[in-house]
């Protein structure tokens, strides 16, 4: 890999020597996005279009982290966003997390989520939310180890009919007490997770 295309390594060395953790680079979309789509489509319940990926990656590329091997093959990825939540707290959102099956149980997903949490904290996030399938025990354990709390059970949340938990990590004291609101006086607004 030439130095002009090198992605900055973040978060120090990997626990697995052949991996490096990097932020997504929009200049390398043609190379990276197909790998991300392939990895995520294998594991997640939702069939995301390219526009969903671009929505997150174009606006919040600094909140997307990847684990790459020496040959620049994608081993794991986390995709996030950060914005005010319905007029209340600054909410980070973990939209997608996936790790190649052969590399699970090695701390890669934990490292990716930890990098995302640190990046959102640096941008003054009050909380971080996500949804994960009730049946995904490994994912639920990972997030709970990192301090996320189950705040809601969402019956038949996913297109495949599976139920989800909404998990939230409160980063600042009192965040759970902050009011979020939808201002109907301003007309139709886009509701965001």
C-alpha atoms as a PDB file:
ATOM      1  CA  UNK A   1       0.000   0.000   0.000  1.00  0.00           C
ATOM      2  CA  UNK A   2       1.482   3.352  -0.951  1.00  0.00           C
ATOM      3  CA  UNK A   3       1.884   6.028   1.699  1.00  0.00           C
ATOM      4  CA  UNK A   4      -0.428   8.421  -0.161  1.00  0.00           C
ATOM      5  CA  UNK A   5      -3.275   5.920   0.330  1.00  0.00           C
ATOM      6  CA  UNK A   6      -2.349   5.024   3.885  1.00  0.00           C
ATOM      7  CA  UNK A   7      -5.120   5.371   6.428  1.00  0.00           C
ATOM      8  CA  UNK A   8      -4.180   6.788   9.818  1.00  0.00           C
ATOM      9  CA  UNK A   9      -3.870   4.123  12.469  1.00  0.00           C
ATOM     10  CA  UNK A  10      -5.933   4.960  15.537  1.00  0.00           C
ATOM     11  CA  UNK A  11      -6.083   3.589  19.035  1.00  0.00           C
ATOM     12  CA  UNK A  12      -2.571   2.141  19.101  1.00  0.00           C
ATOM     13  CA  UNK A  13      -1.552  -1.341  18.078  1.00  0.00           C
ATOM     14  CA  UNK A  14      -4.018  -4.143  17.714  1.00  0.00           C
ATOM     15  CA  UNK A  15      -4.167  -7.030  20.146  1.00  0.00           C
ATOM     16  CA  UNK A  16      -3.855  -9.138  16.988  1.00  0.00           C
ATOM     17  CA  UNK A  17      -0.512  -8.098  15.456  1.00  0.00           C
ATOM     18  CA  UNK A  18      -1.614  -8.381  11.833  1.00  0.00           C
ATOM     19  CA  UNK A  19      -4.564  -5.979  12.317  1.00  0.00           C
ATOM     20  CA  UNK A  20      -4.640  -2.217  12.362  1.00  0.00           C
ATOM     21  CA  UNK A  21      -7.562   0.015  13.301  1.00  0.00           C
ATOM     22  CA  UNK A  22      -8.245   2.956  11.009  1.00  0.00           C
ATOM     23  CA  UNK A  23     -10.881   5.581  10.339  1.00  0.00           C
ATOM     24  CA  UNK A  24     -12.881   5.342   7.141  1.00  0.00           C
ATOM     25  CA  UNK A  25     -11.553   7.531   4.312  1.00  0.00           C
ATOM     26  CA  UNK A  26     -14.114   8.793   1.767  1.00  0.00           C
ATOM     27  CA  UNK A  27     -11.304   9.202  -0.788  1.00  0.00           C
ATOM     28  CA  UNK A  28     -11.034   5.403  -0.835  1.00  0.00           C
ATOM     29  CA  UNK A  29     -14.767   4.713  -1.203  1.00  0.00           C
ATOM     30  CA  UNK A  30     -14.337   2.599  -4.353  1.00  0.00           C
ATOM     31  CA  UNK A  31     -12.013   0.256  -2.485  1.00  0.00           C
ATOM     32  CA  UNK A  32     -13.539   0.240   1.005  1.00  0.00           C
ATOM     33  CA  UNK A  33     -17.301   0.551   0.568  1.00  0.00           C
ATOM     34  CA  UNK A  34     -17.768  -2.746  -1.335  1.00  0.00           C
ATOM     35  CA  UNK A  35     -15.897  -4.573   1.450  1.00  0.00           C
ATOM     36  CA  UNK A  36     -18.040  -2.885   4.105  1.00  0.00           C
ATOM     37  CA  UNK A  37     -21.276  -3.719   2.304  1.00  0.00           C
ATOM     38  CA  UNK A  38     -20.257  -7.344   1.823  1.00  0.00           C
ATOM     39  CA  UNK A  39     -19.296  -7.824   5.471  1.00  0.00           C
ATOM     40  CA  UNK A  40     -22.379  -6.134   6.881  1.00  0.00           C
ATOM     41  CA  UNK A  41     -24.821  -7.815   4.494  1.00  0.00           C
ATOM     42  CA  UNK A  42     -23.638 -11.234   5.728  1.00  0.00           C
ATOM     43  CA  UNK A  43     -24.429 -10.538   9.360  1.00  0.00           C
ATOM     44  CA  UNK A  44     -27.063  -7.880   9.880  1.00  0.00           C
ATOM     45  CA  UNK A  45     -30.822  -8.335   9.635  1.00  0.00           C
ATOM     46  CA  UNK A  46     -31.529  -5.337   7.443  1.00  0.00           C
ATOM     47  CA  UNK A  47     -30.893  -5.127   3.687  1.00  0.00           C
ATOM     48  CA  UNK A  48     -29.206  -1.718   3.459  1.00  0.00           C
ATOM     49  CA  UNK A  49     -28.982   0.111   0.138  1.00  0.00           C
ATOM     50  CA  UNK A  50     -25.806   1.915  -0.878  1.00  0.00           C
ATOM     51  CA  UNK A  51     -27.517   5.175   0.034  1.00  0.00           C
ATOM     52  CA  UNK A  52     -27.811   4.165   3.686  1.00  0.00           C
ATOM     53  CA  UNK A  53     -24.069   3.528   3.840  1.00  0.00           C
ATOM     54  CA  UNK A  54     -23.330   6.816   2.114  1.00  0.00           C
ATOM     55  CA  UNK A  55     -25.695   8.680   4.471  1.00  0.00           C
ATOM     56  CA  UNK A  56     -23.517   7.631   7.409  1.00  0.00           C
ATOM     57  CA  UNK A  57     -20.104   7.588   5.755  1.00  0.00           C
ATOM     58  CA  UNK A  58     -20.331  10.944   3.979  1.00  0.00           C
ATOM     59  CA  UNK A  59     -21.480  12.820   7.080  1.00  0.00           C
ATOM     60  CA  UNK A  60     -19.718  10.932   9.877  1.00  0.00           C
ATOM     61  CA  UNK A  61     -16.687   9.211   8.320  1.00  0.00           C
ATOM     62  CA  UNK A  62     -14.715  10.221  11.416  1.00  0.00           C
ATOM     63  CA  UNK A  63     -17.056   7.992  13.467  1.00  0.00           C
ATOM     64  CA  UNK A  64     -16.512   4.917  11.274  1.00  0.00           C
ATOM     65  CA  UNK A  65     -13.664   2.620  12.257  1.00  0.00           C
ATOM     66  CA  UNK A  66     -12.326  -0.456  10.516  1.00  0.00           C
ATOM     67  CA  UNK A  67     -10.037  -3.334  11.417  1.00  0.00           C
ATOM     68  CA  UNK A  68      -7.881  -4.171   8.406  1.00  0.00           C
ATOM     69  CA  UNK A  69      -5.384  -6.975   7.947  1.00  0.00           C
ATOM     70  CA  UNK A  70      -1.950  -6.551   6.350  1.00  0.00           C
ATOM     71  CA  UNK A  71      -3.449  -6.927   2.856  1.00  0.00           C
ATOM     72  CA  UNK A  72      -6.039  -4.178   3.587  1.00  0.00           C
ATOM     73  CA  UNK A  73      -8.866  -6.712   3.773  1.00  0.00           C
ATOM     74  CA  UNK A  74     -11.713  -5.653   6.017  1.00  0.00           C
ATOM     75  CA  UNK A  75     -11.982  -7.782   9.162  1.00  0.00           C
ATOM     76  CA  UNK A  76     -14.423  -5.617  11.133  1.00  0.00           C
ATOM     77  CA  UNK A  77     -16.252  -2.299  10.939  1.00  0.00           C
ATOM     78  CA  UNK A  78     -18.382   0.003  13.070  1.00  0.00           C
ATOM     79  CA  UNK A  79     -20.480   2.785  11.491  1.00  0.00           C
ATOM     80  CA  UNK A  80     -21.907   5.579  13.641  1.00  0.00           C
ATOM     81  CA  UNK A  81     -23.387   9.058  13.675  1.00  0.00           C
ATOM     82  CA  UNK A  82     -23.736  11.894  16.173  1.00  0.00           C
ATOM     83  CA  UNK A  83     -26.403  14.614  16.264  1.00  0.00           C
ATOM     84  CA  UNK A  84     -28.900  16.256  18.623  1.00  0.00           C
ATOM     85  CA  UNK A  85     -31.688  13.857  19.544  1.00  0.00           C
ATOM     86  CA  UNK A  86     -35.090  15.523  19.106  1.00  0.00           C
ATOM     87  CA  UNK A  87     -33.934  18.780  20.630  1.00  0.00           C
ATOM     88  CA  UNK A  88     -32.417  17.062  23.661  1.00  0.00           C
ATOM     89  CA  UNK A  89     -29.060  15.415  24.261  1.00  0.00           C
ATOM     90  CA  UNK A  90     -26.280  14.966  21.716  1.00  0.00           C
ATOM     91  CA  UNK A  91     -26.843  11.341  20.819  1.00  0.00           C
ATOM     92  CA  UNK A  92     -24.314   9.092  19.226  1.00  0.00           C
ATOM     93  CA  UNK A  93     -25.780   6.174  17.353  1.00  0.00           C
ATOM     94  CA  UNK A  94     -24.080   2.902  16.461  1.00  0.00           C
ATOM     95  CA  UNK A  95     -25.802   1.944  13.238  1.00  0.00           C
ATOM     96  CA  UNK A  96     -23.777  -1.086  12.179  1.00  0.00           C
ATOM     97  CA  UNK A  97     -21.141  -3.362  13.672  1.00  0.00           C
ATOM     98  CA  UNK A  98     -19.783  -6.485  12.034  1.00  0.00           C
ATOM     99  CA  UNK A  99     -16.711  -8.704  12.303  1.00  0.00           C
ATOM    100  CA  UNK A 100     -15.749 -11.570  10.022  1.00  0.00           C
ATOM    101  CA  UNK A 101     -16.909 -14.818  11.574  1.00  0.00           C
ATOM    102  CA  UNK A 102     -13.397 -16.327  11.614  1.00  0.00           C
ATOM    103  CA  UNK A 103     -12.152 -13.404  13.722  1.00  0.00           C
ATOM    104  CA  UNK A 104     -14.908 -13.247  16.336  1.00  0.00           C
ATOM    105  CA  UNK A 105     -14.109 -13.638  20.012  1.00  0.00           C
ATOM    106  CA  UNK A 106     -10.754 -11.877  19.650  1.00  0.00           C
ATOM    107  CA  UNK A 107     -11.796  -8.460  20.948  1.00  0.00           C
ATOM    108  CA  UNK A 108     -12.043  -6.801  17.528  1.00  0.00           C
ATOM    109  CA  UNK A 109     -15.650  -5.654  17.891  1.00  0.00           C
ATOM    110  CA  UNK A 110     -14.943  -4.409  21.426  1.00  0.00           C
ATOM    111  CA  UNK A 111     -11.976  -2.388  20.140  1.00  0.00           C
ATOM    112  CA  UNK A 112     -14.011  -0.928  17.258  1.00  0.00           C
ATOM    113  CA  UNK A 113     -16.885   0.101  19.547  1.00  0.00           C
ATOM    114  CA  UNK A 114     -14.423   1.535  22.086  1.00  0.00           C
ATOM    115  CA  UNK A 115     -12.826   3.670  19.365  1.00  0.00           C
ATOM    116  CA  UNK A 116     -16.269   4.895  18.300  1.00  0.00           C
ATOM    117  CA  UNK A 117     -17.224   5.721  21.902  1.00  0.00           C
ATOM    118  CA  UNK A 118     -13.981   7.674  22.385  1.00  0.00           C
ATOM    119  CA  UNK A 119     -14.540   9.600  19.142  1.00  0.00           C
ATOM    120  CA  UNK A 120     -18.119  10.481  20.112  1.00  0.00           C
ATOM    121  CA  UNK A 121     -17.025  11.543  23.596  1.00  0.00           C
ATOM    122  CA  UNK A 122     -14.406  13.810  22.003  1.00  0.00           C
ATOM    123  CA  UNK A 123     -17.248  15.431  20.033  1.00  0.00           C
ATOM    124  CA  UNK A 124     -19.243  16.020  23.248  1.00  0.00           C
ATOM    125  CA  UNK A 125     -21.798  13.216  22.998  1.00  0.00           C
ATOM    126  CA  UNK A 126     -24.175  12.939  25.961  1.00  0.00           C
ATOM    127  CA  UNK A 127     -25.243   9.375  25.191  1.00  0.00           C
ATOM    128  CA  UNK A 128     -24.860   6.626  22.623  1.00  0.00           C
ATOM    129  CA  UNK A 129     -27.747   4.423  21.489  1.00  0.00           C
ATOM    130  CA  UNK A 130     -28.169   1.369  19.294  1.00  0.00           C
ATOM    131  CA  UNK A 131     -30.484  -1.531  18.623  1.00  0.00           C
ATOM    132  CA  UNK A 132     -29.482  -5.174  18.610  1.00  0.00           C
ATOM    133  CA  UNK A 133     -31.473  -8.363  18.208  1.00  0.00           C
ATOM    134  CA  UNK A 134     -32.643  -9.953  21.450  1.00  0.00           C
ATOM    135  CA  UNK A 135     -31.341 -13.287  20.120  1.00  0.00           C
ATOM    136  CA  UNK A 136     -27.817 -11.907  19.488  1.00  0.00           C
ATOM    137  CA  UNK A 137     -26.357 -12.928  22.847  1.00  0.00           C
ATOM    138  CA  UNK A 138     -22.738 -12.118  21.932  1.00  0.00           C
ATOM    139  CA  UNK A 139     -23.649  -8.602  20.816  1.00  0.00           C
ATOM    140  CA  UNK A 140     -25.748  -7.946  23.915  1.00  0.00           C
ATOM    141  CA  UNK A 141     -22.908  -9.133  26.175  1.00  0.00           C
ATOM    142  CA  UNK A 142     -20.357  -6.987  24.335  1.00  0.00           C
ATOM    143  CA  UNK A 143     -22.401  -3.807  24.733  1.00  0.00           C
ATOM    144  CA  UNK A 144     -23.346  -4.542  28.337  1.00  0.00           C
ATOM    145  CA  UNK A 145     -19.649  -5.104  29.199  1.00  0.00           C
ATOM    146  CA  UNK A 146     -19.005  -1.616  27.804  1.00  0.00           C
ATOM    147  CA  UNK A 147     -21.678  -0.115  30.066  1.00  0.00           C
ATOM    148  CA  UNK A 148     -24.717   0.021  27.779  1.00  0.00           C
ATOM    149  CA  UNK A 149     -28.089  -0.433  29.470  1.00  0.00           C
ATOM    150  CA  UNK A 150     -31.222  -2.012  28.009  1.00  0.00           C
ATOM    151  CA  UNK A 151     -33.815   0.741  27.871  1.00  0.00           C
ATOM    152  CA  UNK A 152     -36.522  -0.706  25.653  1.00  0.00           C
ATOM    153  CA  UNK A 153     -37.678  -3.921  24.029  1.00  0.00           C
ATOM    154  CA  UNK A 154     -38.824  -3.317  20.447  1.00  0.00           C
ATOM    155  CA  UNK A 155     -41.215  -6.072  19.358  1.00  0.00           C
ATOM    156  CA  UNK A 156     -40.749  -7.206  15.728  1.00  0.00           C
ATOM    157  CA  UNK A 157     -38.366  -4.293  15.141  1.00  0.00           C
ATOM    158  CA  UNK A 158     -36.455  -5.753  12.215  1.00  0.00           C
ATOM    159  CA  UNK A 159     -37.776  -6.565   8.748  1.00  0.00           C
ATOM    160  CA  UNK A 160     -37.163 -10.252   9.441  1.00  0.00           C
ATOM    161  CA  UNK A 161     -39.655 -10.010  12.335  1.00  0.00           C
ATOM    162  CA  UNK A 162     -37.059 -10.299  15.085  1.00  0.00           C
ATOM    163  CA  UNK A 163     -37.336  -8.315  18.294  1.00  0.00           C
ATOM    164  CA  UNK A 164     -34.612  -5.892  19.391  1.00  0.00           C
ATOM    165  CA  UNK A 165     -33.333  -4.222  22.515  1.00  0.00           C
ATOM    166  CA  UNK A 166     -32.565  -0.529  22.482  1.00  0.00           C
ATOM    167  CA  UNK A 167     -29.349  -0.064  24.417  1.00  0.00           C
ATOM    168  CA  UNK A 168     -28.042   3.272  25.673  1.00  0.00           C
ATOM    169  CA  UNK A 169     -24.702   4.289  27.141  1.00  0.00           C
ATOM    170  CA  UNK A 170     -25.056   7.447  29.216  1.00  0.00           C
ATOM    171  CA  UNK A 171     -21.797   9.382  29.018  1.00  0.00           C
ATOM    172  CA  UNK A 172     -22.695  12.342  31.229  1.00  0.00           C
ATOM    173  CA  UNK A 173     -24.425  12.494  34.564  1.00  0.00           C
ATOM    174  CA  UNK A 174     -28.081  13.469  34.265  1.00  0.00           C
ATOM    175  CA  UNK A 175     -28.340  12.673  30.552  1.00  0.00           C
ATOM    176  CA  UNK A 176     -31.148  10.182  31.131  1.00  0.00           C
ATOM    177  CA  UNK A 177     -33.184  13.020  32.666  1.00  0.00           C
ATOM    178  CA  UNK A 178     -32.791  15.436  29.728  1.00  0.00           C
ATOM    179  CA  UNK A 179     -35.991  16.122  27.826  1.00  0.00           C
ATOM    180  CA  UNK A 180     -36.243  15.178  24.182  1.00  0.00           C
ATOM    181  CA  UNK A 181     -39.176  16.555  22.268  1.00  0.00           C
ATOM    182  CA  UNK A 182     -40.781  16.690  18.874  1.00  0.00           C
ATOM    183  CA  UNK A 183     -41.934  20.189  18.018  1.00  0.00           C
ATOM    184  CA  UNK A 184     -45.154  19.757  16.030  1.00  0.00           C
ATOM    185  CA  UNK A 185     -45.502  23.529  15.551  1.00  0.00           C
ATOM    186  CA  UNK A 186     -42.654  23.481  13.020  1.00  0.00           C
ATOM    187  CA  UNK A 187     -44.514  21.133  10.671  1.00  0.00           C
ATOM    188  CA  UNK A 188     -43.285  17.775   9.392  1.00  0.00           C
ATOM    189  CA  UNK A 189     -39.804  16.841  10.548  1.00  0.00           C
ATOM    190  CA  UNK A 190     -37.610  13.873   9.866  1.00  0.00           C
ATOM    191  CA  UNK A 191     -37.622  11.561  12.874  1.00  0.00           C
ATOM    192  CA  UNK A 192     -34.186  10.162  13.614  1.00  0.00           C
ATOM    193  CA  UNK A 193     -32.951   7.326  15.766  1.00  0.00           C
END
